[in-house]
């Protein structure tokens, strides 16, 4: 019958495209229809198995894609945790050092100044000792929130440890850095509400502004740290601003770039640069 011949042609075509390397005997015109139908049923089963395999592979690929996305997400989280202070959510010391190195590298090309603010809280220990760590943690988180709002995307606010914070900003003048420090000091001095009480801390701030393309991260950080302690010796809630001078900073640069980590290891044998200080007049701190 004409239909039988057409059925054999369809079977031969499907077998040619669906069975791949599997070698089957060609469908002959004299083959009985029962055999043709049996082969068609077998081919249908084979095609069903192939379709099932394709679906399984697609599911496996989808599962692998989801697992890969989850792995990337967790890797990002771990990287963030490695450079984030867990209590305040600010950058930690490692992130501060890396960003400062990067800022100085960029400033060498752009010719900009980089400023570091070292911030130490005055009056924090009595709060911690009197009301406990919960109150102390609340103060640290409040200070971190205020720092983040002030600095924004203009720089990096970080917590170095304990009640010590730091800020890095680029492309600023000496006066800009002083104004930023004054704003930080005044904002931190505002009372912090905690369990129906008003907690008060002030901030002693040391500011160091790069005065040479050769200044190192270690030298700038040390200058800001020294300025902060100088401010602290003068009284609570004061600011001391300094340059990291060109003639001294140039002596601190070796033939190849140095990292903050290397600088710290050699701190015992390195002389902190002499500083030109400029005390910043400050109003009385908030109670």
C-alpha atoms as a PDB file:
ATOM      1  CA  UNK A   1       0.000   0.000   0.000  1.00  0.00           C
ATOM      2  CA  UNK A   2       1.210   3.559  -0.684  1.00  0.00           C
ATOM      3  CA  UNK A   3       0.876   4.373   3.058  1.00  0.00           C
ATOM      4  CA  UNK A   4       3.153   1.492   3.972  1.00  0.00           C
ATOM      5  CA  UNK A   5       5.888   2.771   1.670  1.00  0.00           C
ATOM      6  CA  UNK A   6       5.608   6.261   3.171  1.00  0.00           C
ATOM      7  CA  UNK A   7       5.785   4.834   6.696  1.00  0.00           C
ATOM      8  CA  UNK A   8       9.019   3.035   5.789  1.00  0.00           C
ATOM      9  CA  UNK A   9      10.499   6.290   4.442  1.00  0.00           C
ATOM     10  CA  UNK A  10       9.616   8.108   7.677  1.00  0.00           C
ATOM     11  CA  UNK A  11      11.187   5.316   9.733  1.00  0.00           C
ATOM     12  CA  UNK A  12      14.366   5.409   7.662  1.00  0.00           C
ATOM     13  CA  UNK A  13      14.672   9.197   8.076  1.00  0.00           C
ATOM     14  CA  UNK A  14      14.079   9.150  11.853  1.00  0.00           C
ATOM     15  CA  UNK A  15      16.611   6.356  12.277  1.00  0.00           C
ATOM     16  CA  UNK A  16      19.174   8.319  10.286  1.00  0.00           C
ATOM     17  CA  UNK A  17      18.902  11.452  12.429  1.00  0.00           C
ATOM     18  CA  UNK A  18      18.039  10.018  15.835  1.00  0.00           C
ATOM     19  CA  UNK A  19      20.269   6.992  16.351  1.00  0.00           C
ATOM     20  CA  UNK A  20      23.570   8.743  15.698  1.00  0.00           C
ATOM     21  CA  UNK A  21      26.485   6.310  15.577  1.00  0.00           C
ATOM     22  CA  UNK A  22      24.258   3.298  16.287  1.00  0.00           C
ATOM     23  CA  UNK A  23      24.209   1.166  13.153  1.00  0.00           C
ATOM     24  CA  UNK A  24      20.836  -0.339  12.265  1.00  0.00           C
ATOM     25  CA  UNK A  25      19.851  -2.439   9.300  1.00  0.00           C
ATOM     26  CA  UNK A  26      18.111  -0.278   6.689  1.00  0.00           C
ATOM     27  CA  UNK A  27      14.385  -0.576   6.385  1.00  0.00           C
ATOM     28  CA  UNK A  28      13.622  -2.616   3.290  1.00  0.00           C
ATOM     29  CA  UNK A  29      10.522  -2.528   1.148  1.00  0.00           C
ATOM     30  CA  UNK A  30       9.887  -6.250   1.702  1.00  0.00           C
ATOM     31  CA  UNK A  31       9.994  -6.000   5.516  1.00  0.00           C
ATOM     32  CA  UNK A  32       6.626  -6.931   7.023  1.00  0.00           C
ATOM     33  CA  UNK A  33       4.638  -4.101   8.548  1.00  0.00           C
ATOM     34  CA  UNK A  34       4.757  -5.735  11.970  1.00  0.00           C
ATOM     35  CA  UNK A  35       8.521  -5.426  11.930  1.00  0.00           C
ATOM     36  CA  UNK A  36       8.332  -1.831  10.716  1.00  0.00           C
ATOM     37  CA  UNK A  37       5.917  -0.942  13.508  1.00  0.00           C
ATOM     38  CA  UNK A  38       8.100  -2.713  16.071  1.00  0.00           C
ATOM     39  CA  UNK A  39      11.095  -0.717  14.911  1.00  0.00           C
ATOM     40  CA  UNK A  40       9.053   2.472  15.073  1.00  0.00           C
ATOM     41  CA  UNK A  41       8.049   1.667  18.638  1.00  0.00           C
ATOM     42  CA  UNK A  42      11.675   0.964  19.507  1.00  0.00           C
ATOM     43  CA  UNK A  43      12.712   4.225  17.928  1.00  0.00           C
ATOM     44  CA  UNK A  44       9.997   6.049  19.890  1.00  0.00           C
ATOM     45  CA  UNK A  45      11.352   4.535  23.094  1.00  0.00           C
ATOM     46  CA  UNK A  46      14.891   5.575  22.130  1.00  0.00           C
ATOM     47  CA  UNK A  47      13.728   9.100  21.343  1.00  0.00           C
ATOM     48  CA  UNK A  48      11.908   9.224  24.673  1.00  0.00           C
ATOM     49  CA  UNK A  49      15.066   8.154  26.464  1.00  0.00           C
ATOM     50  CA  UNK A  50      17.053  10.793  24.609  1.00  0.00           C
ATOM     51  CA  UNK A  51      14.495  13.457  25.485  1.00  0.00           C
ATOM     52  CA  UNK A  52      14.626  12.370  29.101  1.00  0.00           C
ATOM     53  CA  UNK A  53      18.420  12.557  29.026  1.00  0.00           C
ATOM     54  CA  UNK A  54      18.294  16.040  27.520  1.00  0.00           C
ATOM     55  CA  UNK A  55      15.850  17.158  30.217  1.00  0.00           C
ATOM     56  CA  UNK A  56      18.107  15.648  32.863  1.00  0.00           C
ATOM     57  CA  UNK A  57      21.122  17.433  31.427  1.00  0.00           C
ATOM     58  CA  UNK A  58      19.225  20.712  31.331  1.00  0.00           C
ATOM     59  CA  UNK A  59      18.250  20.241  34.979  1.00  0.00           C
ATOM     60  CA  UNK A  60      21.847  19.415  35.902  1.00  0.00           C
ATOM     61  CA  UNK A  61      23.060  22.520  34.046  1.00  0.00           C
ATOM     62  CA  UNK A  62      20.470  24.666  35.833  1.00  0.00           C
ATOM     63  CA  UNK A  63      21.503  23.196  39.200  1.00  0.00           C
ATOM     64  CA  UNK A  64      25.171  23.845  38.388  1.00  0.00           C
ATOM     65  CA  UNK A  65      24.386  27.441  37.401  1.00  0.00           C
ATOM     66  CA  UNK A  66      22.538  28.002  40.684  1.00  0.00           C
ATOM     67  CA  UNK A  67      25.363  26.402  42.663  1.00  0.00           C
ATOM     68  CA  UNK A  68      27.906  28.585  40.850  1.00  0.00           C
ATOM     69  CA  UNK A  69      25.888  31.736  41.580  1.00  0.00           C
ATOM     70  CA  UNK A  70      25.592  30.740  45.255  1.00  0.00           C
ATOM     71  CA  UNK A  71      29.324  30.046  45.414  1.00  0.00           C
ATOM     72  CA  UNK A  72      30.082  33.482  43.943  1.00  0.00           C
ATOM     73  CA  UNK A  73      27.675  35.102  46.402  1.00  0.00           C
ATOM     74  CA  UNK A  74      29.298  33.384  49.370  1.00  0.00           C
ATOM     75  CA  UNK A  75      32.766  34.216  48.074  1.00  0.00           C
ATOM     76  CA  UNK A  76      31.753  37.870  47.834  1.00  0.00           C
ATOM     77  CA  UNK A  77      30.377  37.730  51.370  1.00  0.00           C
ATOM     78  CA  UNK A  78      33.622  36.203  52.662  1.00  0.00           C
ATOM     79  CA  UNK A  79      35.676  38.852  50.891  1.00  0.00           C
ATOM     80  CA  UNK A  80      33.465  41.566  52.370  1.00  0.00           C
ATOM     81  CA  UNK A  81      33.778  40.051  55.841  1.00  0.00           C
ATOM     82  CA  UNK A  82      37.556  40.005  55.494  1.00  0.00           C
ATOM     83  CA  UNK A  83      37.651  43.799  55.093  1.00  0.00           C
ATOM     84  CA  UNK A  84      34.658  44.784  57.262  1.00  0.00           C
ATOM     85  CA  UNK A  85      34.440  45.519  60.968  1.00  0.00           C
ATOM     86  CA  UNK A  86      31.735  43.141  62.245  1.00  0.00           C
ATOM     87  CA  UNK A  87      30.405  45.460  64.966  1.00  0.00           C
ATOM     88  CA  UNK A  88      29.997  48.695  63.021  1.00  0.00           C
ATOM     89  CA  UNK A  89      29.947  47.592  59.380  1.00  0.00           C
ATOM     90  CA  UNK A  90      32.708  50.067  58.539  1.00  0.00           C
ATOM     91  CA  UNK A  91      35.873  49.092  56.728  1.00  0.00           C
ATOM     92  CA  UNK A  92      38.457  47.448  58.971  1.00  0.00           C
ATOM     93  CA  UNK A  93      42.179  48.146  59.295  1.00  0.00           C
ATOM     94  CA  UNK A  94      43.113  45.907  56.348  1.00  0.00           C
ATOM     95  CA  UNK A  95      40.709  47.758  54.033  1.00  0.00           C
ATOM     96  CA  UNK A  96      41.924  51.122  55.366  1.00  0.00           C
ATOM     97  CA  UNK A  97      45.537  50.259  54.567  1.00  0.00           C
ATOM     98  CA  UNK A  98      44.695  48.955  51.094  1.00  0.00           C
ATOM     99  CA  UNK A  99      42.600  52.005  50.217  1.00  0.00           C
ATOM    100  CA  UNK A 100      45.257  54.375  51.508  1.00  0.00           C
ATOM    101  CA  UNK A 101      47.896  52.674  49.362  1.00  0.00           C
ATOM    102  CA  UNK A 102      45.585  52.965  46.340  1.00  0.00           C
ATOM    103  CA  UNK A 103      44.777  56.614  47.061  1.00  0.00           C
ATOM    104  CA  UNK A 104      48.459  57.510  47.291  1.00  0.00           C
ATOM    105  CA  UNK A 105      49.222  55.661  44.056  1.00  0.00           C
ATOM    106  CA  UNK A 106      46.482  57.584  42.247  1.00  0.00           C
ATOM    107  CA  UNK A 107      47.543  60.877  43.823  1.00  0.00           C
ATOM    108  CA  UNK A 108      51.063  60.409  42.467  1.00  0.00           C
ATOM    109  CA  UNK A 109      49.621  60.435  38.947  1.00  0.00           C
ATOM    110  CA  UNK A 110      46.895  63.027  39.477  1.00  0.00           C
ATOM    111  CA  UNK A 111      48.952  65.360  41.626  1.00  0.00           C
ATOM    112  CA  UNK A 112      46.284  65.429  44.352  1.00  0.00           C
ATOM    113  CA  UNK A 113      46.733  65.537  48.088  1.00  0.00           C
ATOM    114  CA  UNK A 114      45.600  62.681  50.324  1.00  0.00           C
ATOM    115  CA  UNK A 115      44.435  63.290  53.880  1.00  0.00           C
ATOM    116  CA  UNK A 116      44.213  60.829  56.757  1.00  0.00           C
ATOM    117  CA  UNK A 117      42.115  61.540  59.845  1.00  0.00           C
ATOM    118  CA  UNK A 118      42.866  59.517  62.966  1.00  0.00           C
ATOM    119  CA  UNK A 119      39.956  59.711  65.417  1.00  0.00           C
ATOM    120  CA  UNK A 120      40.067  58.615  69.052  1.00  0.00           C
ATOM    121  CA  UNK A 121      36.995  58.847  71.266  1.00  0.00           C
ATOM    122  CA  UNK A 122      37.271  60.772  74.543  1.00  0.00           C
ATOM    123  CA  UNK A 123      35.002  59.582  77.334  1.00  0.00           C
ATOM    124  CA  UNK A 124      34.308  56.180  75.815  1.00  0.00           C
ATOM    125  CA  UNK A 125      35.950  54.085  78.544  1.00  0.00           C
ATOM    126  CA  UNK A 126      33.818  55.513  81.404  1.00  0.00           C
ATOM    127  CA  UNK A 127      30.675  54.668  79.412  1.00  0.00           C
ATOM    128  CA  UNK A 128      31.913  51.140  78.792  1.00  0.00           C
ATOM    129  CA  UNK A 129      32.932  50.669  82.428  1.00  0.00           C
ATOM    130  CA  UNK A 130      29.774  52.212  83.924  1.00  0.00           C
ATOM    131  CA  UNK A 131      27.023  50.913  81.651  1.00  0.00           C
ATOM    132  CA  UNK A 132      28.644  47.835  80.161  1.00  0.00           C
ATOM    133  CA  UNK A 133      29.649  46.653  76.727  1.00  0.00           C
ATOM    134  CA  UNK A 134      26.109  46.986  75.334  1.00  0.00           C
ATOM    135  CA  UNK A 135      26.273  50.745  75.879  1.00  0.00           C
ATOM    136  CA  UNK A 136      29.810  50.904  74.532  1.00  0.00           C
ATOM    137  CA  UNK A 137      28.812  48.978  71.408  1.00  0.00           C
ATOM    138  CA  UNK A 138      25.849  51.305  70.887  1.00  0.00           C
ATOM    139  CA  UNK A 139      28.201  54.296  71.017  1.00  0.00           C
ATOM    140  CA  UNK A 140      30.610  52.730  68.526  1.00  0.00           C
ATOM    141  CA  UNK A 141      27.782  51.919  66.118  1.00  0.00           C
ATOM    142  CA  UNK A 142      26.371  55.436  66.421  1.00  0.00           C
ATOM    143  CA  UNK A 143      29.771  56.987  65.744  1.00  0.00           C
ATOM    144  CA  UNK A 144      30.219  54.677  62.743  1.00  0.00           C
ATOM    145  CA  UNK A 145      26.844  55.707  61.316  1.00  0.00           C
ATOM    146  CA  UNK A 146      27.675  59.388  61.683  1.00  0.00           C
ATOM    147  CA  UNK A 147      31.090  58.942  60.082  1.00  0.00           C
ATOM    148  CA  UNK A 148      29.558  57.099  57.144  1.00  0.00           C
ATOM    149  CA  UNK A 149      27.050  59.877  56.571  1.00  0.00           C
ATOM    150  CA  UNK A 150      29.712  62.581  56.687  1.00  0.00           C
ATOM    151  CA  UNK A 151      32.285  60.854  54.479  1.00  0.00           C
ATOM    152  CA  UNK A 152      29.838  59.225  52.056  1.00  0.00           C
ATOM    153  CA  UNK A 153      31.405  58.378  48.710  1.00  0.00           C
ATOM    154  CA  UNK A 154      34.075  61.064  49.063  1.00  0.00           C
ATOM    155  CA  UNK A 155      36.414  58.749  50.951  1.00  0.00           C
ATOM    156  CA  UNK A 156      36.617  55.775  53.274  1.00  0.00           C
ATOM    157  CA  UNK A 157      35.539  55.636  56.915  1.00  0.00           C
ATOM    158  CA  UNK A 158      36.963  52.764  58.930  1.00  0.00           C
ATOM    159  CA  UNK A 159      37.221  51.406  62.440  1.00  0.00           C
ATOM    160  CA  UNK A 160      40.770  50.395  63.277  1.00  0.00           C
ATOM    161  CA  UNK A 161      39.890  48.770  66.584  1.00  0.00           C
ATOM    162  CA  UNK A 162      38.602  49.669  70.039  1.00  0.00           C
ATOM    163  CA  UNK A 163      37.428  53.277  69.993  1.00  0.00           C
ATOM    164  CA  UNK A 164      39.801  54.325  67.205  1.00  0.00           C
ATOM    165  CA  UNK A 165      38.473  55.291  63.779  1.00  0.00           C
ATOM    166  CA  UNK A 166      40.119  56.605  60.627  1.00  0.00           C
ATOM    167  CA  UNK A 167      39.134  58.388  57.429  1.00  0.00           C
ATOM    168  CA  UNK A 168      40.925  58.585  54.066  1.00  0.00           C
ATOM    169  CA  UNK A 169      40.016  61.272  51.540  1.00  0.00           C
ATOM    170  CA  UNK A 170      41.694  62.297  48.287  1.00  0.00           C
ATOM    171  CA  UNK A 171      41.776  65.459  46.228  1.00  0.00           C
ATOM    172  CA  UNK A 172      41.514  67.784  49.224  1.00  0.00           C
ATOM    173  CA  UNK A 173      43.418  70.829  50.396  1.00  0.00           C
ATOM    174  CA  UNK A 174      44.811  71.278  53.886  1.00  0.00           C
ATOM    175  CA  UNK A 175      41.864  73.538  54.712  1.00  0.00           C
ATOM    176  CA  UNK A 176      39.369  70.991  53.318  1.00  0.00           C
ATOM    177  CA  UNK A 177      40.802  68.322  55.597  1.00  0.00           C
ATOM    178  CA  UNK A 178      40.576  70.656  58.602  1.00  0.00           C
ATOM    179  CA  UNK A 179      36.944  71.454  57.835  1.00  0.00           C
ATOM    180  CA  UNK A 180      36.126  67.767  57.473  1.00  0.00           C
ATOM    181  CA  UNK A 181      37.768  67.023  60.821  1.00  0.00           C
ATOM    182  CA  UNK A 182      35.804  69.831  62.497  1.00  0.00           C
ATOM    183  CA  UNK A 183      32.553  68.461  61.095  1.00  0.00           C
ATOM    184  CA  UNK A 184      33.427  64.965  62.308  1.00  0.00           C
ATOM    185  CA  UNK A 185      34.282  66.267  65.779  1.00  0.00           C
ATOM    186  CA  UNK A 186      31.090  68.331  66.097  1.00  0.00           C
ATOM    187  CA  UNK A 187      28.872  65.492  64.855  1.00  0.00           C
ATOM    188  CA  UNK A 188      30.385  62.930  67.209  1.00  0.00           C
ATOM    189  CA  UNK A 189      29.893  65.330  70.149  1.00  0.00           C
ATOM    190  CA  UNK A 190      26.101  65.216  69.738  1.00  0.00           C
ATOM    191  CA  UNK A 191      24.513  63.105  72.495  1.00  0.00           C
ATOM    192  CA  UNK A 192      23.792  59.447  71.723  1.00  0.00           C
ATOM    193  CA  UNK A 193      20.462  58.118  72.987  1.00  0.00           C
ATOM    194  CA  UNK A 194      20.641  54.715  74.693  1.00  0.00           C
ATOM    195  CA  UNK A 195      17.923  53.156  76.839  1.00  0.00           C
ATOM    196  CA  UNK A 196      16.496  56.476  77.906  1.00  0.00           C
ATOM    197  CA  UNK A 197      19.883  58.022  78.618  1.00  0.00           C
ATOM    198  CA  UNK A 198      22.037  60.501  76.731  1.00  0.00           C
ATOM    199  CA  UNK A 199      25.606  59.249  76.307  1.00  0.00           C
ATOM    200  CA  UNK A 200      28.314  61.762  75.460  1.00  0.00           C
ATOM    201  CA  UNK A 201      31.710  61.272  73.849  1.00  0.00           C
ATOM    202  CA  UNK A 202      34.104  63.665  72.167  1.00  0.00           C
ATOM    203  CA  UNK A 203      36.734  63.008  69.518  1.00  0.00           C
ATOM    204  CA  UNK A 204      40.398  63.905  69.451  1.00  0.00           C
ATOM    205  CA  UNK A 205      41.397  64.055  65.792  1.00  0.00           C
ATOM    206  CA  UNK A 206      44.763  64.076  64.123  1.00  0.00           C
ATOM    207  CA  UNK A 207      44.887  65.143  60.479  1.00  0.00           C
ATOM    208  CA  UNK A 208      47.830  64.496  58.152  1.00  0.00           C
ATOM    209  CA  UNK A 209      47.845  65.821  54.585  1.00  0.00           C
ATOM    210  CA  UNK A 210      50.336  64.560  52.028  1.00  0.00           C
ATOM    211  CA  UNK A 211      52.757  67.216  50.904  1.00  0.00           C
ATOM    212  CA  UNK A 212      54.741  65.168  48.412  1.00  0.00           C
ATOM    213  CA  UNK A 213      54.107  62.554  45.713  1.00  0.00           C
ATOM    214  CA  UNK A 214      56.661  60.381  47.496  1.00  0.00           C
ATOM    215  CA  UNK A 215      54.890  60.143  50.842  1.00  0.00           C
ATOM    216  CA  UNK A 216      54.205  56.590  52.004  1.00  0.00           C
ATOM    217  CA  UNK A 217      51.134  55.138  53.656  1.00  0.00           C
ATOM    218  CA  UNK A 218      53.165  54.406  56.757  1.00  0.00           C
ATOM    219  CA  UNK A 219      54.493  57.962  57.008  1.00  0.00           C
ATOM    220  CA  UNK A 220      51.076  59.545  56.480  1.00  0.00           C
ATOM    221  CA  UNK A 221      49.384  57.246  58.984  1.00  0.00           C
ATOM    222  CA  UNK A 222      52.116  57.816  61.563  1.00  0.00           C
ATOM    223  CA  UNK A 223      51.868  61.573  61.086  1.00  0.00           C
ATOM    224  CA  UNK A 224      48.089  61.523  61.615  1.00  0.00           C
ATOM    225  CA  UNK A 225      48.476  59.237  64.629  1.00  0.00           C
ATOM    226  CA  UNK A 226      51.063  61.510  66.227  1.00  0.00           C
ATOM    227  CA  UNK A 227      48.908  64.551  65.535  1.00  0.00           C
ATOM    228  CA  UNK A 228      45.940  62.836  67.173  1.00  0.00           C
ATOM    229  CA  UNK A 229      47.917  62.177  70.363  1.00  0.00           C
ATOM    230  CA  UNK A 230      49.166  65.781  70.311  1.00  0.00           C
ATOM    231  CA  UNK A 231      45.540  66.954  70.135  1.00  0.00           C
ATOM    232  CA  UNK A 232      44.599  64.592  72.937  1.00  0.00           C
ATOM    233  CA  UNK A 233      47.324  66.002  75.187  1.00  0.00           C
ATOM    234  CA  UNK A 234      45.886  69.492  74.689  1.00  0.00           C
ATOM    235  CA  UNK A 235      42.403  68.431  75.783  1.00  0.00           C
ATOM    236  CA  UNK A 236      39.315  66.463  74.774  1.00  0.00           C
ATOM    237  CA  UNK A 237      37.561  67.168  71.508  1.00  0.00           C
ATOM    238  CA  UNK A 238      40.453  68.981  69.812  1.00  0.00           C
ATOM    239  CA  UNK A 239      42.023  68.757  66.351  1.00  0.00           C
ATOM    240  CA  UNK A 240      45.680  68.841  65.339  1.00  0.00           C
ATOM    241  CA  UNK A 241      46.395  69.173  61.613  1.00  0.00           C
ATOM    242  CA  UNK A 242      49.825  68.569  60.055  1.00  0.00           C
ATOM    243  CA  UNK A 243      51.570  68.251  56.734  1.00  0.00           C
ATOM    244  CA  UNK A 244      53.713  65.240  55.991  1.00  0.00           C
ATOM    245  CA  UNK A 245      56.566  67.455  54.622  1.00  0.00           C
ATOM    246  CA  UNK A 246      58.075  66.966  51.206  1.00  0.00           C
ATOM    247  CA  UNK A 247      61.717  67.074  52.246  1.00  0.00           C
ATOM    248  CA  UNK A 248      61.185  64.288  54.800  1.00  0.00           C
ATOM    249  CA  UNK A 249      58.690  62.212  52.832  1.00  0.00           C
ATOM    250  CA  UNK A 250      61.112  61.884  49.913  1.00  0.00           C
ATOM    251  CA  UNK A 251      63.586  60.100  52.136  1.00  0.00           C
ATOM    252  CA  UNK A 252      60.994  57.511  52.988  1.00  0.00           C
ATOM    253  CA  UNK A 253      60.523  56.138  49.465  1.00  0.00           C
ATOM    254  CA  UNK A 254      62.670  53.210  48.343  1.00  0.00           C
ATOM    255  CA  UNK A 255      63.425  52.303  44.749  1.00  0.00           C
ATOM    256  CA  UNK A 256      60.293  50.128  44.522  1.00  0.00           C
ATOM    257  CA  UNK A 257      56.814  50.695  45.989  1.00  0.00           C
ATOM    258  CA  UNK A 258      56.384  49.561  49.564  1.00  0.00           C
ATOM    259  CA  UNK A 259      53.208  48.303  51.199  1.00  0.00           C
ATOM    260  CA  UNK A 260      51.810  49.400  54.535  1.00  0.00           C
ATOM    261  CA  UNK A 261      52.510  45.914  55.863  1.00  0.00           C
ATOM    262  CA  UNK A 262      56.184  46.180  54.932  1.00  0.00           C
ATOM    263  CA  UNK A 263      56.349  49.647  56.431  1.00  0.00           C
ATOM    264  CA  UNK A 264      54.939  48.391  59.739  1.00  0.00           C
ATOM    265  CA  UNK A 265      57.469  45.583  59.916  1.00  0.00           C
ATOM    266  CA  UNK A 266      60.270  48.087  59.514  1.00  0.00           C
ATOM    267  CA  UNK A 267      58.741  50.679  61.833  1.00  0.00           C
ATOM    268  CA  UNK A 268      61.235  49.952  64.583  1.00  0.00           C
ATOM    269  CA  UNK A 269      64.111  51.049  62.397  1.00  0.00           C
ATOM    270  CA  UNK A 270      62.415  53.950  60.616  1.00  0.00           C
ATOM    271  CA  UNK A 271      62.238  57.531  61.850  1.00  0.00           C
ATOM    272  CA  UNK A 272      58.786  59.136  61.865  1.00  0.00           C
ATOM    273  CA  UNK A 273      59.065  62.316  59.775  1.00  0.00           C
ATOM    274  CA  UNK A 274      59.264  65.688  61.457  1.00  0.00           C
ATOM    275  CA  UNK A 275      55.919  67.446  61.272  1.00  0.00           C
ATOM    276  CA  UNK A 276      54.884  71.031  60.657  1.00  0.00           C
ATOM    277  CA  UNK A 277      51.906  71.347  62.949  1.00  0.00           C
ATOM    278  CA  UNK A 278      49.032  73.740  62.733  1.00  0.00           C
ATOM    279  CA  UNK A 279      46.596  73.525  65.648  1.00  0.00           C
ATOM    280  CA  UNK A 280      42.997  74.065  64.626  1.00  0.00           C
ATOM    281  CA  UNK A 281      40.988  76.499  66.749  1.00  0.00           C
ATOM    282  CA  UNK A 282      37.978  74.630  68.088  1.00  0.00           C
ATOM    283  CA  UNK A 283      34.821  75.697  69.891  1.00  0.00           C
ATOM    284  CA  UNK A 284      33.899  74.073  73.168  1.00  0.00           C
ATOM    285  CA  UNK A 285      32.725  70.507  72.599  1.00  0.00           C
ATOM    286  CA  UNK A 286      29.097  69.599  73.183  1.00  0.00           C
ATOM    287  CA  UNK A 287      28.418  68.245  76.677  1.00  0.00           C
END
